[in-house]
Amino acid sequence: MDDDKRLFLKIISGMLRYPDEELISSLDDLKRALEDLPVSGAKSVCLDFLEYFKQASLLRLQEVFTETFDLNPSTCLNLTYHRWGDGKERAGTLIRLKRLYDEAGLEMATEELPDYLPLILEFIVANPNGDSTWIQKEFEVSVRDLSRRLQDKQSPFAGLFAVVEEIFRVGE
């Protein structure tokens, strides 16, 4: 995966955090990071999303985030859920991800499960010499399905997921 794709994943991971004062104060930093990237559809999507974040109130951003990702299982950010629900099969992938993070020396500074999309994106970015192909293959369908659901709901997050979906396409 090239450096531009990794930077997009890093930026999107930041944009997918629960909106709080810290995230709002980092918007200018995210915009500066985007300015270093070549003109592309992905860059335009991210800049548009930043503009949406700047225009909406913090309370509204929190409402939309919670409605989209926390209160709706079909669009939750835990990728194994989209494939197995709460079934037993899910545990094996969660364990494999946790081991992968441990072997790479990544300490999870969150209470989220290892399949939490922003955490997965951070891992890919923080492990540039590692092979992210397994992660891409494992979650490509879940990311695509989640992207479609967000597009159908006309979610402001849909564009970000389209970018992640494009990057996760194996072999590209």
N, C-alpha and C. Protein backbone atom coordinates (compact mmCIF):
# COMPACT_ATOMS: atom_id res chain seq x y z
N MET A 1 0.85 -1.17 0.00
CA MET A 1 0.00 0.00 0.00
C MET A 1 0.90 1.24 0.00
N ASP A 2 0.61 2.19 -0.87
CA ASP A 2 1.49 3.35 -0.97
C ASP A 2 1.22 4.36 0.15
N ASP A 3 2.13 5.31 0.28
CA ASP A 3 2.07 6.29 1.38
C ASP A 3 0.83 7.16 1.32
N ASP A 4 0.37 7.53 0.11
CA ASP A 4 -0.83 8.35 0.01
C ASP A 4 -2.05 7.62 0.56
N LYS A 5 -2.18 6.34 0.24
CA LYS A 5 -3.31 5.55 0.76
C LYS A 5 -3.23 5.45 2.27
N ARG A 6 -2.03 5.24 2.78
CA ARG A 6 -1.85 5.16 4.24
C ARG A 6 -2.24 6.49 4.90
N LEU A 7 -1.87 7.60 4.28
CA LEU A 7 -2.23 8.90 4.84
C LEU A 7 -3.74 9.09 4.83
N PHE A 8 -4.40 8.69 3.76
CA PHE A 8 -5.87 8.76 3.73
C PHE A 8 -6.47 7.93 4.86
N LEU A 9 -5.96 6.74 5.07
CA LEU A 9 -6.48 5.89 6.15
C LEU A 9 -6.26 6.54 7.51
N LYS A 10 -5.10 7.17 7.70
CA LYS A 10 -4.81 7.87 8.96
C LYS A 10 -5.80 9.02 9.18
N ILE A 11 -6.04 9.79 8.15
CA ILE A 11 -6.96 10.93 8.25
C ILE A 11 -8.37 10.44 8.51
N ILE A 12 -8.79 9.44 7.77
CA ILE A 12 -10.16 8.92 7.94
C ILE A 12 -10.34 8.30 9.31
N SER A 13 -9.33 7.61 9.80
CA SER A 13 -9.40 7.07 11.15
C SER A 13 -9.68 8.19 12.15
N GLY A 14 -9.00 9.32 11.98
CA GLY A 14 -9.24 10.47 12.85
C GLY A 14 -10.65 11.02 12.71
N MET A 15 -11.16 11.04 11.49
CA MET A 15 -12.50 11.57 11.25
C MET A 15 -13.60 10.65 11.79
N LEU A 16 -13.27 9.38 12.00
CA LEU A 16 -14.25 8.42 12.49
C LEU A 16 -14.25 8.29 14.01
N ARG A 17 -13.50 9.14 14.68
CA ARG A 17 -13.56 9.17 16.14
C ARG A 17 -14.87 9.81 16.58
N TYR A 18 -15.31 9.47 17.77
CA TYR A 18 -16.50 10.12 18.32
C TYR A 18 -16.22 11.62 18.42
N PRO A 19 -17.12 12.43 17.87
CA PRO A 19 -16.87 13.88 17.87
C PRO A 19 -16.83 14.45 19.29
N ASP A 20 -15.73 15.08 19.61
CA ASP A 20 -15.58 15.78 20.88
C ASP A 20 -14.75 17.03 20.62
N GLU A 21 -14.50 17.79 21.66
CA GLU A 21 -13.75 19.03 21.51
C GLU A 21 -12.36 18.78 20.93
N GLU A 22 -11.73 17.68 21.34
CA GLU A 22 -10.39 17.36 20.84
C GLU A 22 -10.42 17.13 19.33
N LEU A 23 -11.42 16.39 18.85
CA LEU A 23 -11.53 16.15 17.41
C LEU A 23 -11.78 17.46 16.68
N ILE A 24 -12.67 18.27 17.19
CA ILE A 24 -12.98 19.56 16.55
C ILE A 24 -11.72 20.41 16.48
N SER A 25 -10.92 20.40 17.54
CA SER A 25 -9.70 21.23 17.53
C SER A 25 -8.64 20.67 16.59
N SER A 26 -8.78 19.43 16.16
CA SER A 26 -7.78 18.84 15.25
C SER A 26 -8.17 18.97 13.77
N LEU A 27 -9.30 19.58 13.47
CA LEU A 27 -9.77 19.66 12.09
C LEU A 27 -8.78 20.41 11.19
N ASP A 28 -8.19 21.48 11.70
CA ASP A 28 -7.22 22.22 10.87
C ASP A 28 -5.98 21.36 10.57
N ASP A 29 -5.56 20.56 11.55
CA ASP A 29 -4.43 19.65 11.32
C ASP A 29 -4.78 18.61 10.25
N LEU A 30 -5.99 18.09 10.31
CA LEU A 30 -6.43 17.12 9.31
C LEU A 30 -6.45 17.75 7.92
N LYS A 31 -6.91 19.01 7.87
CA LYS A 31 -6.96 19.71 6.58
C LYS A 31 -5.55 19.93 6.03
N ARG A 32 -4.63 20.30 6.90
CA ARG A 32 -3.24 20.50 6.46
C ARG A 32 -2.64 19.20 5.93
N ALA A 33 -2.95 18.09 6.59
CA ALA A 33 -2.45 16.79 6.12
C ALA A 33 -3.03 16.47 4.74
N LEU A 34 -4.28 16.81 4.52
CA LEU A 34 -4.90 16.57 3.22
C LEU A 34 -4.28 17.42 2.12
N GLU A 35 -3.86 18.62 2.47
CA GLU A 35 -3.27 19.51 1.47
C GLU A 35 -1.99 18.94 0.87
N ASP A 36 -1.33 18.04 1.60
CA ASP A 36 -0.10 17.42 1.10
C ASP A 36 -0.37 16.33 0.07
N LEU A 37 -1.62 15.93 -0.06
CA LEU A 37 -1.96 14.84 -0.98
C LEU A 37 -2.31 15.38 -2.36
N PRO A 38 -2.06 14.59 -3.40
CA PRO A 38 -2.41 15.04 -4.76
C PRO A 38 -3.92 15.16 -4.93
N VAL A 39 -4.33 15.96 -5.87
CA VAL A 39 -5.75 16.14 -6.17
C VAL A 39 -6.33 14.79 -6.57
N SER A 40 -7.46 14.43 -5.94
CA SER A 40 -8.11 13.16 -6.25
C SER A 40 -9.54 13.22 -5.73
N GLY A 41 -10.32 12.23 -6.12
CA GLY A 41 -11.68 12.12 -5.59
C GLY A 41 -11.68 11.90 -4.09
N ALA A 42 -10.73 11.09 -3.61
CA ALA A 42 -10.63 10.81 -2.18
C ALA A 42 -10.33 12.09 -1.40
N LYS A 43 -9.45 12.90 -1.92
CA LYS A 43 -9.10 14.16 -1.26
C LYS A 43 -10.33 15.06 -1.20
N SER A 44 -11.06 15.15 -2.28
CA SER A 44 -12.26 15.97 -2.33
C SER A 44 -13.30 15.50 -1.31
N VAL A 45 -13.49 14.19 -1.22
CA VAL A 45 -14.44 13.62 -0.25
C VAL A 45 -14.04 14.01 1.16
N CYS A 46 -12.77 13.87 1.48
CA CYS A 46 -12.30 14.18 2.83
C CYS A 46 -12.42 15.67 3.15
N LEU A 47 -12.10 16.52 2.18
CA LEU A 47 -12.25 17.97 2.39
C LEU A 47 -13.71 18.34 2.59
N ASP A 48 -14.60 17.74 1.81
CA ASP A 48 -16.04 17.99 1.98
C ASP A 48 -16.52 17.56 3.36
N PHE A 49 -16.02 16.42 3.82
CA PHE A 49 -16.41 15.94 5.14
C PHE A 49 -15.92 16.89 6.23
N LEU A 50 -14.70 17.38 6.09
CA LEU A 50 -14.18 18.36 7.06
C LEU A 50 -15.05 19.61 7.09
N GLU A 51 -15.48 20.03 5.92
CA GLU A 51 -16.36 21.22 5.85
C GLU A 51 -17.68 20.94 6.57
N TYR A 52 -18.24 19.76 6.37
CA TYR A 52 -19.47 19.36 7.08
C TYR A 52 -19.23 19.43 8.59
N PHE A 53 -18.09 18.91 9.06
CA PHE A 53 -17.77 18.94 10.48
C PHE A 53 -17.65 20.36 11.00
N LYS A 54 -17.08 21.24 10.19
CA LYS A 54 -16.90 22.64 10.63
C LYS A 54 -18.23 23.38 10.70
N GLN A 55 -19.17 23.02 9.84
CA GLN A 55 -20.45 23.73 9.77
C GLN A 55 -21.45 23.28 10.83
N ALA A 56 -21.38 22.03 11.25
CA ALA A 56 -22.37 21.49 12.19
C ALA A 56 -21.94 21.76 13.64
N SER A 57 -22.92 21.82 14.52
CA SER A 57 -22.60 21.98 15.94
C SER A 57 -22.06 20.66 16.49
N LEU A 58 -21.31 20.76 17.56
CA LEU A 58 -20.76 19.57 18.18
C LEU A 58 -21.88 18.62 18.61
N LEU A 59 -22.93 19.15 19.17
CA LEU A 59 -24.05 18.32 19.61
C LEU A 59 -24.66 17.56 18.42
N ARG A 60 -24.82 18.25 17.30
CA ARG A 60 -25.40 17.60 16.12
C ARG A 60 -24.45 16.52 15.59
N LEU A 61 -23.16 16.79 15.58
CA LEU A 61 -22.18 15.79 15.14
C LEU A 61 -22.24 14.55 16.03
N GLN A 62 -22.37 14.76 17.34
CA GLN A 62 -22.46 13.65 18.27
C GLN A 62 -23.74 12.85 18.05
N GLU A 63 -24.84 13.54 17.81
CA GLU A 63 -26.11 12.86 17.54
C GLU A 63 -26.00 11.99 16.29
N VAL A 64 -25.46 12.55 15.21
CA VAL A 64 -25.36 11.82 13.96
C VAL A 64 -24.43 10.62 14.12
N PHE A 65 -23.31 10.81 14.78
CA PHE A 65 -22.37 9.70 15.00
C PHE A 65 -23.04 8.58 15.79
N THR A 66 -23.70 8.93 16.88
CA THR A 66 -24.35 7.94 17.74
C THR A 66 -25.47 7.22 16.99
N GLU A 67 -26.31 7.98 16.28
CA GLU A 67 -27.39 7.36 15.50
C GLU A 67 -26.84 6.42 14.44
N THR A 68 -25.74 6.82 13.82
CA THR A 68 -25.18 6.06 12.71
C THR A 68 -24.45 4.81 13.18
N PHE A 69 -23.57 4.94 14.14
CA PHE A 69 -22.67 3.85 14.48
C PHE A 69 -22.99 3.12 15.79
N ASP A 70 -23.57 3.81 16.75
CA ASP A 70 -23.80 3.19 18.05
C ASP A 70 -25.20 2.59 18.20
N LEU A 71 -26.19 3.21 17.61
CA LEU A 71 -27.57 2.76 17.79
C LEU A 71 -28.08 1.90 16.65
N ASN A 72 -27.28 1.70 15.63
CA ASN A 72 -27.71 0.95 14.46
C ASN A 72 -26.71 -0.18 14.18
N PRO A 73 -27.03 -1.40 14.58
CA PRO A 73 -26.09 -2.51 14.37
C PRO A 73 -25.69 -2.71 12.90
N SER A 74 -26.55 -2.36 11.97
CA SER A 74 -26.22 -2.57 10.56
C SER A 74 -25.12 -1.63 10.06
N THR A 75 -24.81 -0.61 10.86
CA THR A 75 -23.74 0.32 10.47
C THR A 75 -22.73 0.53 11.60
N CYS A 76 -22.61 -0.46 12.49
CA CYS A 76 -21.63 -0.32 13.57
C CYS A 76 -20.22 -0.42 12.99
N LEU A 77 -19.26 0.08 13.72
CA LEU A 77 -17.87 0.12 13.27
C LEU A 77 -17.07 -1.13 13.62
N ASN A 78 -17.71 -2.13 14.20
CA ASN A 78 -17.06 -3.41 14.50
C ASN A 78 -17.27 -4.34 13.31
N LEU A 79 -16.20 -4.51 12.52
CA LEU A 79 -16.33 -5.16 11.22
C LEU A 79 -16.68 -6.64 11.29
N THR A 80 -16.24 -7.36 12.32
CA THR A 80 -16.60 -8.77 12.39
C THR A 80 -18.10 -8.95 12.61
N TYR A 81 -18.74 -7.98 13.22
CA TYR A 81 -20.18 -8.07 13.46
C TYR A 81 -20.95 -8.17 12.14
N HIS A 82 -20.46 -7.50 11.11
CA HIS A 82 -21.17 -7.50 9.83
C HIS A 82 -21.10 -8.86 9.14
N ARG A 83 -20.13 -9.67 9.51
CA ARG A 83 -20.01 -11.00 8.91
C ARG A 83 -20.64 -12.09 9.76
N TRP A 84 -20.44 -12.01 11.08
CA TRP A 84 -20.88 -13.09 11.95
C TRP A 84 -21.87 -12.67 13.03
N GLY A 85 -22.24 -11.42 13.09
CA GLY A 85 -23.09 -11.00 14.20
C GLY A 85 -22.36 -11.26 15.50
N ASP A 86 -23.09 -11.75 16.48
CA ASP A 86 -22.46 -12.09 17.77
C ASP A 86 -22.15 -13.58 17.87
N GLY A 87 -22.04 -14.25 16.72
CA GLY A 87 -21.79 -15.68 16.70
C GLY A 87 -20.40 -16.06 17.14
N LYS A 88 -20.21 -17.37 17.41
CA LYS A 88 -18.93 -17.91 17.89
C LYS A 88 -17.80 -17.69 16.89
N GLU A 89 -18.14 -17.70 15.60
CA GLU A 89 -17.12 -17.56 14.56
C GLU A 89 -16.36 -16.23 14.68
N ARG A 90 -17.02 -15.26 15.23
CA ARG A 90 -16.44 -13.91 15.37
C ARG A 90 -15.20 -13.93 16.27
N ALA A 91 -15.23 -14.76 17.29
CA ALA A 91 -14.16 -14.77 18.29
C ALA A 91 -12.80 -15.08 17.69
N GLY A 92 -12.75 -16.01 16.75
CA GLY A 92 -11.47 -16.38 16.14
C GLY A 92 -10.80 -15.22 15.45
N THR A 93 -11.57 -14.43 14.73
CA THR A 93 -10.99 -13.27 14.03
C THR A 93 -10.58 -12.19 15.03
N LEU A 94 -11.36 -11.99 16.08
CA LEU A 94 -10.98 -11.02 17.10
C LEU A 94 -9.66 -11.42 17.76
N ILE A 95 -9.51 -12.71 18.04
CA ILE A 95 -8.26 -13.20 18.65
C ILE A 95 -7.10 -13.02 17.68
N ARG A 96 -7.32 -13.34 16.42
CA ARG A 96 -6.25 -13.20 15.42
C ARG A 96 -5.80 -11.74 15.29
N LEU A 97 -6.77 -10.81 15.28
CA LEU A 97 -6.43 -9.39 15.21
C LEU A 97 -5.63 -8.96 16.44
N LYS A 98 -6.07 -9.38 17.60
CA LYS A 98 -5.38 -9.01 18.84
C LYS A 98 -3.94 -9.51 18.82
N ARG A 99 -3.75 -10.75 18.36
CA ARG A 99 -2.38 -11.29 18.26
C ARG A 99 -1.55 -10.49 17.27
N LEU A 100 -2.14 -10.15 16.15
CA LEU A 100 -1.44 -9.36 15.13
C LEU A 100 -1.00 -8.03 15.71
N TYR A 101 -1.88 -7.37 16.45
CA TYR A 101 -1.53 -6.10 17.09
C TYR A 101 -0.40 -6.30 18.10
N ASP A 102 -0.52 -7.35 18.91
CA ASP A 102 0.51 -7.62 19.93
C ASP A 102 1.87 -7.89 19.28
N GLU A 103 1.88 -8.71 18.24
CA GLU A 103 3.14 -9.05 17.56
C GLU A 103 3.79 -7.82 16.93
N ALA A 104 2.98 -6.85 16.52
CA ALA A 104 3.52 -5.63 15.92
C ALA A 104 3.87 -4.59 16.98
N GLY A 105 3.58 -4.89 18.25
CA GLY A 105 3.89 -3.95 19.32
C GLY A 105 2.87 -2.82 19.46
N LEU A 106 1.69 -3.00 18.89
CA LEU A 106 0.66 -1.97 18.99
C LEU A 106 -0.12 -2.17 20.28
N GLU A 107 -0.09 -1.15 21.11
CA GLU A 107 -0.89 -1.18 22.33
C GLU A 107 -2.22 -0.52 22.04
N MET A 108 -3.28 -1.23 22.35
CA MET A 108 -4.61 -0.69 22.10
C MET A 108 -4.94 0.32 23.19
N ALA A 109 -5.01 1.58 22.80
CA ALA A 109 -5.31 2.65 23.75
C ALA A 109 -6.80 2.96 23.73
N THR A 110 -7.59 1.91 23.58
CA THR A 110 -9.04 2.08 23.51
C THR A 110 -9.69 0.87 24.15
N GLU A 111 -10.92 1.04 24.56
CA GLU A 111 -11.67 -0.09 25.11
C GLU A 111 -12.44 -0.81 24.02
N GLU A 112 -12.28 -0.39 22.79
CA GLU A 112 -12.98 -1.01 21.67
C GLU A 112 -12.39 -2.39 21.37
N LEU A 113 -13.17 -3.20 20.70
CA LEU A 113 -12.70 -4.51 20.26
C LEU A 113 -11.67 -4.34 19.14
N PRO A 114 -10.85 -5.35 18.90
CA PRO A 114 -9.79 -5.22 17.87
C PRO A 114 -10.32 -5.02 16.45
N ASP A 115 -11.60 -5.31 16.22
CA ASP A 115 -12.16 -5.17 14.87
C ASP A 115 -12.79 -3.80 14.62
N TYR A 116 -12.59 -2.88 15.54
CA TYR A 116 -13.13 -1.52 15.42
C TYR A 116 -12.42 -0.83 14.26
N LEU A 117 -13.16 -0.40 13.26
CA LEU A 117 -12.56 0.10 12.02
C LEU A 117 -11.49 1.17 12.24
N PRO A 118 -11.72 2.21 13.03
CA PRO A 118 -10.64 3.20 13.21
C PRO A 118 -9.36 2.57 13.76
N LEU A 119 -9.48 1.56 14.62
CA LEU A 119 -8.31 0.88 15.16
C LEU A 119 -7.60 0.07 14.07
N ILE A 120 -8.36 -0.60 13.23
CA ILE A 120 -7.78 -1.34 12.11
C ILE A 120 -7.03 -0.39 11.18
N LEU A 121 -7.63 0.75 10.89
CA LEU A 121 -6.97 1.73 10.02
C LEU A 121 -5.68 2.23 10.65
N GLU A 122 -5.72 2.50 11.94
CA GLU A 122 -4.51 2.96 12.65
C GLU A 122 -3.43 1.89 12.60
N PHE A 123 -3.81 0.63 12.75
CA PHE A 123 -2.83 -0.45 12.70
C PHE A 123 -2.16 -0.50 11.32
N ILE A 124 -2.95 -0.41 10.27
CA ILE A 124 -2.38 -0.47 8.92
C ILE A 124 -1.38 0.67 8.73
N VAL A 125 -1.73 1.85 9.22
CA VAL A 125 -0.85 3.01 9.08
C VAL A 125 0.41 2.86 9.93
N ALA A 126 0.25 2.36 11.14
CA ALA A 126 1.37 2.26 12.08
C ALA A 126 2.31 1.10 11.76
N ASN A 127 1.91 0.23 10.86
CA ASN A 127 2.69 -0.95 10.54
C ASN A 127 3.01 -0.96 9.04
N PRO A 128 3.73 0.07 8.55
CA PRO A 128 3.93 0.21 7.11
C PRO A 128 4.71 -0.93 6.47
N ASN A 129 5.56 -1.60 7.22
CA ASN A 129 6.32 -2.71 6.65
C ASN A 129 5.59 -4.04 6.77
N GLY A 130 4.48 -4.02 7.52
CA GLY A 130 3.69 -5.23 7.68
C GLY A 130 2.79 -5.46 6.49
N ASP A 131 2.31 -6.65 6.38
CA ASP A 131 1.43 -7.01 5.28
C ASP A 131 -0.01 -6.81 5.73
N SER A 132 -0.67 -5.84 5.15
CA SER A 132 -2.06 -5.57 5.50
C SER A 132 -3.02 -6.32 4.58
N THR A 133 -2.49 -7.18 3.71
CA THR A 133 -3.34 -7.89 2.76
C THR A 133 -4.37 -8.77 3.47
N TRP A 134 -3.96 -9.46 4.54
CA TRP A 134 -4.91 -10.31 5.26
C TRP A 134 -6.08 -9.47 5.77
N ILE A 135 -5.78 -8.33 6.35
CA ILE A 135 -6.83 -7.46 6.88
C ILE A 135 -7.74 -6.99 5.75
N GLN A 136 -7.14 -6.59 4.65
CA GLN A 136 -7.94 -6.14 3.51
C GLN A 136 -8.85 -7.26 3.01
N LYS A 137 -8.31 -8.46 2.86
CA LYS A 137 -9.12 -9.59 2.39
C LYS A 137 -10.21 -9.93 3.40
N GLU A 138 -9.85 -9.95 4.65
CA GLU A 138 -10.79 -10.34 5.71
C GLU A 138 -11.97 -9.39 5.81
N PHE A 139 -11.72 -8.10 5.59
CA PHE A 139 -12.76 -7.10 5.84
C PHE A 139 -13.26 -6.37 4.60
N GLU A 140 -12.75 -6.73 3.45
CA GLU A 140 -13.16 -6.05 2.21
C GLU A 140 -14.67 -6.08 2.03
N VAL A 141 -15.30 -7.23 2.21
CA VAL A 141 -16.75 -7.36 2.01
C VAL A 141 -17.51 -6.57 3.07
N SER A 142 -17.05 -6.64 4.32
CA SER A 142 -17.73 -5.90 5.39
C SER A 142 -17.66 -4.40 5.15
N VAL A 143 -16.51 -3.91 4.73
CA VAL A 143 -16.35 -2.48 4.44
C VAL A 143 -17.26 -2.10 3.27
N ARG A 144 -17.29 -2.93 2.23
CA ARG A 144 -18.14 -2.64 1.08
C ARG A 144 -19.62 -2.60 1.49
N ASP A 145 -20.06 -3.59 2.25
CA ASP A 145 -21.46 -3.63 2.69
C ASP A 145 -21.81 -2.43 3.57
N LEU A 146 -20.92 -2.11 4.46
CA LEU A 146 -21.12 -0.95 5.33
C LEU A 146 -21.18 0.34 4.51
N SER A 147 -20.31 0.45 3.53
CA SER A 147 -20.30 1.61 2.65
C SER A 147 -21.64 1.74 1.93
N ARG A 148 -22.16 0.63 1.42
CA ARG A 148 -23.45 0.66 0.71
C ARG A 148 -24.59 1.07 1.64
N ARG A 149 -24.60 0.53 2.85
CA ARG A 149 -25.66 0.88 3.80
C ARG A 149 -25.62 2.38 4.12
N LEU A 150 -24.43 2.92 4.30
CA LEU A 150 -24.32 4.34 4.59
C LEU A 150 -24.74 5.19 3.39
N GLN A 151 -24.42 4.73 2.18
CA GLN A 151 -24.87 5.44 0.98
C GLN A 151 -26.39 5.41 0.89
N ASP A 152 -26.99 4.25 1.15
CA ASP A 152 -28.45 4.13 1.11
C ASP A 152 -29.12 5.06 2.11
N LYS A 153 -28.49 5.25 3.26
CA LYS A 153 -29.04 6.13 4.29
C LYS A 153 -28.67 7.60 4.06
N GLN A 154 -27.91 7.85 3.01
CA GLN A 154 -27.41 9.19 2.70
C GLN A 154 -26.69 9.80 3.90
N SER A 155 -25.89 8.97 4.53
CA SER A 155 -25.12 9.39 5.70
C SER A 155 -23.98 10.31 5.27
N PRO A 156 -23.69 11.31 6.10
CA PRO A 156 -22.52 12.16 5.79
C PRO A 156 -21.21 11.38 5.83
N PHE A 157 -21.22 10.19 6.43
CA PHE A 157 -20.02 9.36 6.50
C PHE A 157 -19.83 8.49 5.26
N ALA A 158 -20.81 8.43 4.38
CA ALA A 158 -20.78 7.52 3.23
C ALA A 158 -19.55 7.73 2.35
N GLY A 159 -19.19 8.96 2.09
CA GLY A 159 -18.04 9.24 1.24
C GLY A 159 -16.74 8.70 1.83
N LEU A 160 -16.58 8.85 3.13
CA LEU A 160 -15.36 8.33 3.79
C LEU A 160 -15.27 6.82 3.61
N PHE A 161 -16.40 6.16 3.74
CA PHE A 161 -16.40 4.70 3.60
C PHE A 161 -16.17 4.28 2.17
N ALA A 162 -16.59 5.08 1.22
CA ALA A 162 -16.30 4.78 -0.19
C ALA A 162 -14.79 4.83 -0.43
N VAL A 163 -14.11 5.78 0.21
CA VAL A 163 -12.65 5.88 0.08
C VAL A 163 -11.98 4.65 0.70
N VAL A 164 -12.41 4.27 1.91
CA VAL A 164 -11.84 3.09 2.56
C VAL A 164 -12.12 1.84 1.72
N GLU A 165 -13.33 1.75 1.19
CA GLU A 165 -13.69 0.61 0.34
C GLU A 165 -12.74 0.51 -0.86
N GLU A 166 -12.47 1.62 -1.48
CA GLU A 166 -11.57 1.63 -2.64
C GLU A 166 -10.17 1.18 -2.24
N ILE A 167 -9.68 1.65 -1.12
CA ILE A 167 -8.34 1.28 -0.66
C ILE A 167 -8.29 -0.19 -0.26
N PHE A 168 -9.38 -0.71 0.30
CA PHE A 168 -9.40 -2.10 0.77
C PHE A 168 -9.55 -3.11 -0.37
N ARG A 169 -9.88 -2.66 -1.56
CA ARG A 169 -10.00 -3.62 -2.66
C ARG A 169 -8.66 -4.32 -2.84
N VAL A 170 -8.66 -5.60 -2.61
CA VAL A 170 -7.44 -6.39 -2.68
C VAL A 170 -6.90 -6.38 -4.10
N GLY A 171 -5.60 -6.21 -4.19
CA GLY A 171 -4.96 -6.24 -5.50
C GLY A 171 -4.85 -4.87 -6.14
N GLU A 172 -5.29 -3.85 -5.45
CA GLU A 172 -5.21 -2.50 -6.02
C GLU A 172 -4.27 -1.65 -5.20
